[in-house]
């Protein structure tokens, strides 16, 4: 099934590429078992070490599952493990522009999510948003990690109102990056005091909440857009202070 491999790139990487393509082509189906380590070694004409390294990389990406004493199986693709892969990308990325690009992505997506929330929210979801806003008000200025989590929960609730698994898959990892953004922004002195910054943030959340409460889609969209633009401005300021 597989050709003998050359040495232009690492053998383990070549094995990984070939196996991944075979899975994409449907040669090995979700839940199905891959050939044994010895069999793959003979198929590719490489050492078992190269096979082992390739399988380890594929396992880290969520493509296969290694079951001790049983073998290597193709993973069932799910929202959960796909989201975990995206989370890993954001967490490990060394691209200095990743946070800026993330904020721009939020600027495209979240105003529409807020408008949708205003249209489709129910009383229970509204109650959760109101409770979250109260928690944000009561959070101490020194508790930035806690504040970031509460802030995230506000946006996650708005996302959940869409009841769309694909949007949840795409946007959740972006929210997971936000505490990292907060750490960058608040780790250095900035113009204005922390209390003023919090009051601005609370004002944005209040405007979003009230628009959703009144089922005003346009107002919710505009309020969220202003909130993300403020976030973008804050991040730009923090970068200049490096």
C-alpha atoms as a PDB file:
ATOM      1  CA  UNK A   1       0.000   0.000   0.000  1.00  0.00           C
ATOM      2  CA  UNK A   2       2.786   2.419   0.878  1.00  0.00           C
ATOM      3  CA  UNK A   3       5.990   3.196  -1.073  1.00  0.00           C
ATOM      4  CA  UNK A   4       9.483   2.887   0.403  1.00  0.00           C
ATOM      5  CA  UNK A   5      10.485   6.269   1.763  1.00  0.00           C
ATOM      6  CA  UNK A   6      13.489   8.426   0.957  1.00  0.00           C
ATOM      7  CA  UNK A   7      15.395  10.715   3.290  1.00  0.00           C
ATOM      8  CA  UNK A   8      14.655  14.254   2.055  1.00  0.00           C
ATOM      9  CA  UNK A   9      12.647  14.852   5.248  1.00  0.00           C
ATOM     10  CA  UNK A  10      12.602  12.935   8.526  1.00  0.00           C
ATOM     11  CA  UNK A  11      11.372   9.390   7.987  1.00  0.00           C
ATOM     12  CA  UNK A  12       8.920   9.653  10.856  1.00  0.00           C
ATOM     13  CA  UNK A  13       7.394  12.751   9.250  1.00  0.00           C
ATOM     14  CA  UNK A  14       7.060  10.948   5.926  1.00  0.00           C
ATOM     15  CA  UNK A  15       5.344   8.031   7.659  1.00  0.00           C
ATOM     16  CA  UNK A  16       3.027  10.450   9.443  1.00  0.00           C
ATOM     17  CA  UNK A  17       2.130  12.179   6.161  1.00  0.00           C
ATOM     18  CA  UNK A  18       1.450   8.893   4.361  1.00  0.00           C
ATOM     19  CA  UNK A  19      -0.680   7.476   7.178  1.00  0.00           C
ATOM     20  CA  UNK A  20      -2.613  10.715   7.544  1.00  0.00           C
ATOM     21  CA  UNK A  21      -3.359  10.760   3.819  1.00  0.00           C
ATOM     22  CA  UNK A  22      -4.457   7.113   3.963  1.00  0.00           C
ATOM     23  CA  UNK A  23      -6.924   8.007   6.743  1.00  0.00           C
ATOM     24  CA  UNK A  24      -8.226  10.963   4.718  1.00  0.00           C
ATOM     25  CA  UNK A  25      -8.660   8.707   1.690  1.00  0.00           C
ATOM     26  CA  UNK A  26     -10.773   6.320   3.757  1.00  0.00           C
ATOM     27  CA  UNK A  27      -8.283   3.454   3.716  1.00  0.00           C
ATOM     28  CA  UNK A  28      -8.584   3.346   7.496  1.00  0.00           C
ATOM     29  CA  UNK A  29     -11.980   4.328   8.914  1.00  0.00           C
ATOM     30  CA  UNK A  30     -12.783   5.946  12.295  1.00  0.00           C
ATOM     31  CA  UNK A  31     -12.646   3.240  14.956  1.00  0.00           C
ATOM     32  CA  UNK A  32     -10.588   0.997  12.701  1.00  0.00           C
ATOM     33  CA  UNK A  33      -7.230  -0.455  13.661  1.00  0.00           C
ATOM     34  CA  UNK A  34      -3.980   0.427  11.892  1.00  0.00           C
ATOM     35  CA  UNK A  35      -1.455  -2.296  10.950  1.00  0.00           C
ATOM     36  CA  UNK A  36       0.912  -3.296  13.740  1.00  0.00           C
ATOM     37  CA  UNK A  37       4.209  -1.547  14.314  1.00  0.00           C
ATOM     38  CA  UNK A  38       6.069  -4.439  12.666  1.00  0.00           C
ATOM     39  CA  UNK A  39       3.725  -4.458   9.685  1.00  0.00           C
ATOM     40  CA  UNK A  40       4.059  -0.697   9.166  1.00  0.00           C
ATOM     41  CA  UNK A  41       7.830  -0.968   9.472  1.00  0.00           C
ATOM     42  CA  UNK A  42       7.866  -3.506   6.649  1.00  0.00           C
ATOM     43  CA  UNK A  43       5.350  -1.554   4.532  1.00  0.00           C
ATOM     44  CA  UNK A  44       7.398   1.638   4.688  1.00  0.00           C
ATOM     45  CA  UNK A  45      10.782  -0.071   4.856  1.00  0.00           C
ATOM     46  CA  UNK A  46      11.786   2.015   7.881  1.00  0.00           C
ATOM     47  CA  UNK A  47      12.715   1.262  11.485  1.00  0.00           C
ATOM     48  CA  UNK A  48      10.140   0.666  14.192  1.00  0.00           C
ATOM     49  CA  UNK A  49      11.459   3.806  15.900  1.00  0.00           C
ATOM     50  CA  UNK A  50      10.325   5.926  12.939  1.00  0.00           C
ATOM     51  CA  UNK A  51       6.910   4.272  13.053  1.00  0.00           C
ATOM     52  CA  UNK A  52       6.658   4.883  16.788  1.00  0.00           C
ATOM     53  CA  UNK A  53       7.539   8.585  16.419  1.00  0.00           C
ATOM     54  CA  UNK A  54       5.003   9.023  13.610  1.00  0.00           C
ATOM     55  CA  UNK A  55       2.235   7.401  15.640  1.00  0.00           C
ATOM     56  CA  UNK A  56       3.137   9.556  18.659  1.00  0.00           C
ATOM     57  CA  UNK A  57       2.747  12.740  16.579  1.00  0.00           C
ATOM     58  CA  UNK A  58      -0.555  11.562  15.117  1.00  0.00           C
ATOM     59  CA  UNK A  59      -1.821  10.719  18.593  1.00  0.00           C
ATOM     60  CA  UNK A  60      -0.895  14.223  19.824  1.00  0.00           C
ATOM     61  CA  UNK A  61      -2.967  15.674  16.974  1.00  0.00           C
ATOM     62  CA  UNK A  62      -5.960  13.539  17.881  1.00  0.00           C
ATOM     63  CA  UNK A  63      -5.859  11.506  14.662  1.00  0.00           C
ATOM     64  CA  UNK A  64      -5.251   8.132  16.315  1.00  0.00           C
ATOM     65  CA  UNK A  65      -5.606   6.554  19.737  1.00  0.00           C
ATOM     66  CA  UNK A  66      -2.955   4.221  21.131  1.00  0.00           C
ATOM     67  CA  UNK A  67      -4.499   1.453  23.239  1.00  0.00           C
ATOM     68  CA  UNK A  68      -1.897  -0.404  25.264  1.00  0.00           C
ATOM     69  CA  UNK A  69      -1.918  -4.108  24.555  1.00  0.00           C
ATOM     70  CA  UNK A  70      -4.375  -3.659  21.710  1.00  0.00           C
ATOM     71  CA  UNK A  71      -2.953  -1.409  18.997  1.00  0.00           C
ATOM     72  CA  UNK A  72      -3.440   1.924  17.256  1.00  0.00           C
ATOM     73  CA  UNK A  73      -6.937   2.994  16.219  1.00  0.00           C
ATOM     74  CA  UNK A  74      -8.231   5.844  14.059  1.00  0.00           C
ATOM     75  CA  UNK A  75      -9.981   8.374  16.266  1.00  0.00           C
ATOM     76  CA  UNK A  76     -13.635   9.171  15.835  1.00  0.00           C
ATOM     77  CA  UNK A  77     -13.678  12.824  14.763  1.00  0.00           C
ATOM     78  CA  UNK A  78     -15.738  14.825  17.222  1.00  0.00           C
ATOM     79  CA  UNK A  79     -16.334  18.420  18.214  1.00  0.00           C
ATOM     80  CA  UNK A  80     -14.426  17.749  21.442  1.00  0.00           C
ATOM     81  CA  UNK A  81     -11.156  16.407  20.059  1.00  0.00           C
ATOM     82  CA  UNK A  82     -11.173  18.844  17.129  1.00  0.00           C
ATOM     83  CA  UNK A  83     -11.578  21.724  19.575  1.00  0.00           C
ATOM     84  CA  UNK A  84      -8.708  20.358  21.669  1.00  0.00           C
ATOM     85  CA  UNK A  85      -6.438  20.465  18.612  1.00  0.00           C
ATOM     86  CA  UNK A  86      -7.364  24.116  17.982  1.00  0.00           C
ATOM     87  CA  UNK A  87      -6.801  24.910  21.667  1.00  0.00           C
ATOM     88  CA  UNK A  88      -3.334  23.380  21.435  1.00  0.00           C
ATOM     89  CA  UNK A  89      -2.548  25.526  18.389  1.00  0.00           C
ATOM     90  CA  UNK A  90      -3.470  28.751  20.177  1.00  0.00           C
ATOM     91  CA  UNK A  91      -1.707  27.792  23.405  1.00  0.00           C
ATOM     92  CA  UNK A  92       1.557  26.766  21.737  1.00  0.00           C
ATOM     93  CA  UNK A  93       1.667  29.359  18.967  1.00  0.00           C
ATOM     94  CA  UNK A  94       4.753  31.590  19.015  1.00  0.00           C
ATOM     95  CA  UNK A  95       3.333  33.957  16.398  1.00  0.00           C
ATOM     96  CA  UNK A  96       3.470  37.413  18.024  1.00  0.00           C
ATOM     97  CA  UNK A  97       0.590  38.558  15.816  1.00  0.00           C
ATOM     98  CA  UNK A  98      -1.766  35.755  16.904  1.00  0.00           C
ATOM     99  CA  UNK A  99      -3.552  37.833  19.565  1.00  0.00           C
ATOM    100  CA  UNK A 100      -4.100  40.723  17.139  1.00  0.00           C
ATOM    101  CA  UNK A 101      -5.499  38.324  14.543  1.00  0.00           C
ATOM    102  CA  UNK A 102      -7.690  36.740  17.198  1.00  0.00           C
ATOM    103  CA  UNK A 103      -9.177  40.099  18.157  1.00  0.00           C
ATOM    104  CA  UNK A 104      -9.872  40.819  14.479  1.00  0.00           C
ATOM    105  CA  UNK A 105     -11.620  37.443  14.207  1.00  0.00           C
ATOM    106  CA  UNK A 106     -13.768  38.353  17.221  1.00  0.00           C
ATOM    107  CA  UNK A 107     -14.635  41.651  15.551  1.00  0.00           C
ATOM    108  CA  UNK A 108     -16.021  39.731  12.563  1.00  0.00           C
ATOM    109  CA  UNK A 109     -17.902  37.054  14.518  1.00  0.00           C
ATOM    110  CA  UNK A 110     -19.089  38.393  17.861  1.00  0.00           C
ATOM    111  CA  UNK A 111     -21.300  41.320  16.771  1.00  0.00           C
ATOM    112  CA  UNK A 112     -23.405  38.844  14.795  1.00  0.00           C
ATOM    113  CA  UNK A 113     -23.462  36.469  17.760  1.00  0.00           C
ATOM    114  CA  UNK A 114     -24.721  39.301  19.982  1.00  0.00           C
ATOM    115  CA  UNK A 115     -27.469  40.163  17.467  1.00  0.00           C
ATOM    116  CA  UNK A 116     -28.478  36.509  17.359  1.00  0.00           C
ATOM    117  CA  UNK A 117     -28.547  36.395  21.164  1.00  0.00           C
ATOM    118  CA  UNK A 118     -30.854  39.408  21.259  1.00  0.00           C
ATOM    119  CA  UNK A 119     -33.218  37.670  18.854  1.00  0.00           C
ATOM    120  CA  UNK A 120     -33.187  34.163  20.296  1.00  0.00           C
ATOM    121  CA  UNK A 121     -32.314  34.346  23.999  1.00  0.00           C
ATOM    122  CA  UNK A 122     -34.680  32.895  26.574  1.00  0.00           C
ATOM    123  CA  UNK A 123     -35.298  34.044  30.128  1.00  0.00           C
ATOM    124  CA  UNK A 124     -32.894  31.510  31.627  1.00  0.00           C
ATOM    125  CA  UNK A 125     -30.049  32.633  29.352  1.00  0.00           C
ATOM    126  CA  UNK A 126     -30.807  36.266  30.138  1.00  0.00           C
ATOM    127  CA  UNK A 127     -30.682  35.474  33.852  1.00  0.00           C
ATOM    128  CA  UNK A 128     -27.244  33.860  33.400  1.00  0.00           C
ATOM    129  CA  UNK A 129     -25.959  36.968  31.607  1.00  0.00           C
ATOM    130  CA  UNK A 130     -27.337  39.244  34.332  1.00  0.00           C
ATOM    131  CA  UNK A 131     -25.740  37.137  37.072  1.00  0.00           C
ATOM    132  CA  UNK A 132     -22.445  37.179  35.183  1.00  0.00           C
ATOM    133  CA  UNK A 133     -22.568  40.973  34.948  1.00  0.00           C
ATOM    134  CA  UNK A 134     -23.097  41.218  38.712  1.00  0.00           C
ATOM    135  CA  UNK A 135     -20.102  38.932  39.299  1.00  0.00           C
ATOM    136  CA  UNK A 136     -18.019  41.157  37.040  1.00  0.00           C
ATOM    137  CA  UNK A 137     -19.024  44.245  39.042  1.00  0.00           C
ATOM    138  CA  UNK A 138     -18.095  42.574  42.338  1.00  0.00           C
ATOM    139  CA  UNK A 139     -14.765  41.178  41.115  1.00  0.00           C
ATOM    140  CA  UNK A 140     -11.794  42.903  42.771  1.00  0.00           C
ATOM    141  CA  UNK A 141      -9.367  44.899  40.616  1.00  0.00           C
ATOM    142  CA  UNK A 142      -6.487  42.714  41.756  1.00  0.00           C
ATOM    143  CA  UNK A 143      -8.226  39.522  40.596  1.00  0.00           C
ATOM    144  CA  UNK A 144      -7.410  39.764  36.903  1.00  0.00           C
ATOM    145  CA  UNK A 145      -7.427  36.002  36.319  1.00  0.00           C
ATOM    146  CA  UNK A 146     -10.874  35.718  37.875  1.00  0.00           C
ATOM    147  CA  UNK A 147     -12.082  38.742  35.924  1.00  0.00           C
ATOM    148  CA  UNK A 148     -10.850  37.211  32.670  1.00  0.00           C
ATOM    149  CA  UNK A 149     -12.767  34.002  33.446  1.00  0.00           C
ATOM    150  CA  UNK A 150     -15.985  35.874  34.265  1.00  0.00           C
ATOM    151  CA  UNK A 151     -15.567  37.975  31.128  1.00  0.00           C
ATOM    152  CA  UNK A 152     -15.085  34.798  29.085  1.00  0.00           C
ATOM    153  CA  UNK A 153     -18.219  33.256  30.574  1.00  0.00           C
ATOM    154  CA  UNK A 154     -20.249  36.284  29.472  1.00  0.00           C
ATOM    155  CA  UNK A 155     -19.108  35.840  25.870  1.00  0.00           C
ATOM    156  CA  UNK A 156     -19.467  32.049  26.013  1.00  0.00           C
ATOM    157  CA  UNK A 157     -23.090  32.397  27.120  1.00  0.00           C
ATOM    158  CA  UNK A 158     -23.784  34.657  24.144  1.00  0.00           C
ATOM    159  CA  UNK A 159     -22.124  32.073  21.901  1.00  0.00           C
ATOM    160  CA  UNK A 160     -24.173  29.233  23.437  1.00  0.00           C
ATOM    161  CA  UNK A 161     -27.417  30.976  22.475  1.00  0.00           C
ATOM    162  CA  UNK A 162     -26.552  30.335  18.822  1.00  0.00           C
ATOM    163  CA  UNK A 163     -26.903  26.580  19.565  1.00  0.00           C
ATOM    164  CA  UNK A 164     -24.473  25.954  16.709  1.00  0.00           C
ATOM    165  CA  UNK A 165     -21.798  23.284  17.204  1.00  0.00           C
ATOM    166  CA  UNK A 166     -19.620  24.554  14.359  1.00  0.00           C
ATOM    167  CA  UNK A 167     -19.546  28.092  15.773  1.00  0.00           C
ATOM    168  CA  UNK A 168     -18.767  26.675  19.209  1.00  0.00           C
ATOM    169  CA  UNK A 169     -15.898  24.667  17.708  1.00  0.00           C
ATOM    170  CA  UNK A 170     -14.456  27.716  15.930  1.00  0.00           C
ATOM    171  CA  UNK A 171     -14.962  30.387  18.580  1.00  0.00           C
ATOM    172  CA  UNK A 172     -14.326  28.579  21.892  1.00  0.00           C
ATOM    173  CA  UNK A 173     -10.542  28.292  21.341  1.00  0.00           C
ATOM    174  CA  UNK A 174     -10.504  32.019  20.610  1.00  0.00           C
ATOM    175  CA  UNK A 175     -12.103  32.697  23.990  1.00  0.00           C
ATOM    176  CA  UNK A 176      -9.532  30.417  25.609  1.00  0.00           C
ATOM    177  CA  UNK A 177      -6.815  32.749  24.345  1.00  0.00           C
ATOM    178  CA  UNK A 178      -8.362  35.805  26.013  1.00  0.00           C
ATOM    179  CA  UNK A 179      -6.763  35.261  29.469  1.00  0.00           C
ATOM    180  CA  UNK A 180      -3.412  35.304  27.654  1.00  0.00           C
ATOM    181  CA  UNK A 181      -4.424  38.608  26.076  1.00  0.00           C
ATOM    182  CA  UNK A 182      -5.419  40.015  29.479  1.00  0.00           C
ATOM    183  CA  UNK A 183      -2.032  39.020  30.911  1.00  0.00           C
ATOM    184  CA  UNK A 184      -0.229  40.881  28.119  1.00  0.00           C
ATOM    185  CA  UNK A 185      -2.316  44.032  28.481  1.00  0.00           C
ATOM    186  CA  UNK A 186      -2.368  44.304  32.277  1.00  0.00           C
ATOM    187  CA  UNK A 187       1.202  43.202  32.954  1.00  0.00           C
ATOM    188  CA  UNK A 188       2.535  46.684  32.222  1.00  0.00           C
ATOM    189  CA  UNK A 189       1.622  50.257  33.182  1.00  0.00           C
ATOM    190  CA  UNK A 190      -0.797  52.018  30.851  1.00  0.00           C
ATOM    191  CA  UNK A 191      -2.335  55.455  30.553  1.00  0.00           C
ATOM    192  CA  UNK A 192      -5.297  55.754  32.910  1.00  0.00           C
ATOM    193  CA  UNK A 193      -5.951  53.781  36.073  1.00  0.00           C
ATOM    194  CA  UNK A 194      -7.285  50.255  36.483  1.00  0.00           C
ATOM    195  CA  UNK A 195     -10.580  51.407  37.960  1.00  0.00           C
ATOM    196  CA  UNK A 196     -11.300  53.554  34.923  1.00  0.00           C
ATOM    197  CA  UNK A 197     -10.461  50.656  32.597  1.00  0.00           C
ATOM    198  CA  UNK A 198     -12.850  48.404  34.481  1.00  0.00           C
ATOM    199  CA  UNK A 199     -15.618  50.992  34.351  1.00  0.00           C
ATOM    200  CA  UNK A 200     -15.231  51.207  30.572  1.00  0.00           C
ATOM    201  CA  UNK A 201     -15.377  47.421  30.281  1.00  0.00           C
ATOM    202  CA  UNK A 202     -18.465  47.259  32.510  1.00  0.00           C
ATOM    203  CA  UNK A 203     -20.165  49.949  30.436  1.00  0.00           C
ATOM    204  CA  UNK A 204     -19.651  47.866  27.291  1.00  0.00           C
ATOM    205  CA  UNK A 205     -21.013  44.741  28.956  1.00  0.00           C
ATOM    206  CA  UNK A 206     -23.996  46.673  30.301  1.00  0.00           C
ATOM    207  CA  UNK A 207     -24.841  48.011  26.834  1.00  0.00           C
ATOM    208  CA  UNK A 208     -24.625  44.512  25.346  1.00  0.00           C
ATOM    209  CA  UNK A 209     -26.722  43.047  28.154  1.00  0.00           C
ATOM    210  CA  UNK A 210     -29.445  45.696  27.896  1.00  0.00           C
ATOM    211  CA  UNK A 211     -29.668  45.302  24.125  1.00  0.00           C
ATOM    212  CA  UNK A 212     -30.078  41.537  24.522  1.00  0.00           C
ATOM    213  CA  UNK A 213     -32.602  42.079  27.305  1.00  0.00           C
ATOM    214  CA  UNK A 214     -34.698  44.367  25.061  1.00  0.00           C
ATOM    215  CA  UNK A 215     -34.309  42.006  22.092  1.00  0.00           C
ATOM    216  CA  UNK A 216     -32.728  44.825  20.083  1.00  0.00           C
ATOM    217  CA  UNK A 217     -30.573  43.016  17.521  1.00  0.00           C
ATOM    218  CA  UNK A 218     -29.014  46.118  15.960  1.00  0.00           C
ATOM    219  CA  UNK A 219     -28.135  47.682  19.311  1.00  0.00           C
ATOM    220  CA  UNK A 220     -26.583  44.399  20.487  1.00  0.00           C
ATOM    221  CA  UNK A 221     -24.505  44.167  17.327  1.00  0.00           C
ATOM    222  CA  UNK A 222     -23.247  47.754  17.649  1.00  0.00           C
ATOM    223  CA  UNK A 223     -22.550  47.413  21.389  1.00  0.00           C
ATOM    224  CA  UNK A 224     -20.482  44.275  20.850  1.00  0.00           C
ATOM    225  CA  UNK A 225     -18.597  45.878  17.979  1.00  0.00           C
ATOM    226  CA  UNK A 226     -17.666  48.846  20.195  1.00  0.00           C
ATOM    227  CA  UNK A 227     -16.580  46.470  22.949  1.00  0.00           C
ATOM    228  CA  UNK A 228     -14.230  44.526  20.665  1.00  0.00           C
ATOM    229  CA  UNK A 229     -12.859  47.732  19.155  1.00  0.00           C
ATOM    230  CA  UNK A 230     -12.044  48.930  22.682  1.00  0.00           C
ATOM    231  CA  UNK A 231     -10.263  45.623  23.279  1.00  0.00           C
ATOM    232  CA  UNK A 232      -8.295  46.125  20.081  1.00  0.00           C
ATOM    233  CA  UNK A 233      -7.292  49.636  21.148  1.00  0.00           C
ATOM    234  CA  UNK A 234      -6.150  48.403  24.571  1.00  0.00           C
ATOM    235  CA  UNK A 235      -4.021  45.698  22.999  1.00  0.00           C
ATOM    236  CA  UNK A 236      -2.446  48.189  20.563  1.00  0.00           C
ATOM    237  CA  UNK A 237      -1.511  50.413  23.503  1.00  0.00           C
ATOM    238  CA  UNK A 238       0.060  47.495  25.372  1.00  0.00           C
ATOM    239  CA  UNK A 239       2.163  46.552  22.348  1.00  0.00           C
ATOM    240  CA  UNK A 240       3.526  50.092  22.035  1.00  0.00           C
ATOM    241  CA  UNK A 241       4.672  49.926  25.662  1.00  0.00           C
ATOM    242  CA  UNK A 242       6.896  46.896  25.022  1.00  0.00           C
END
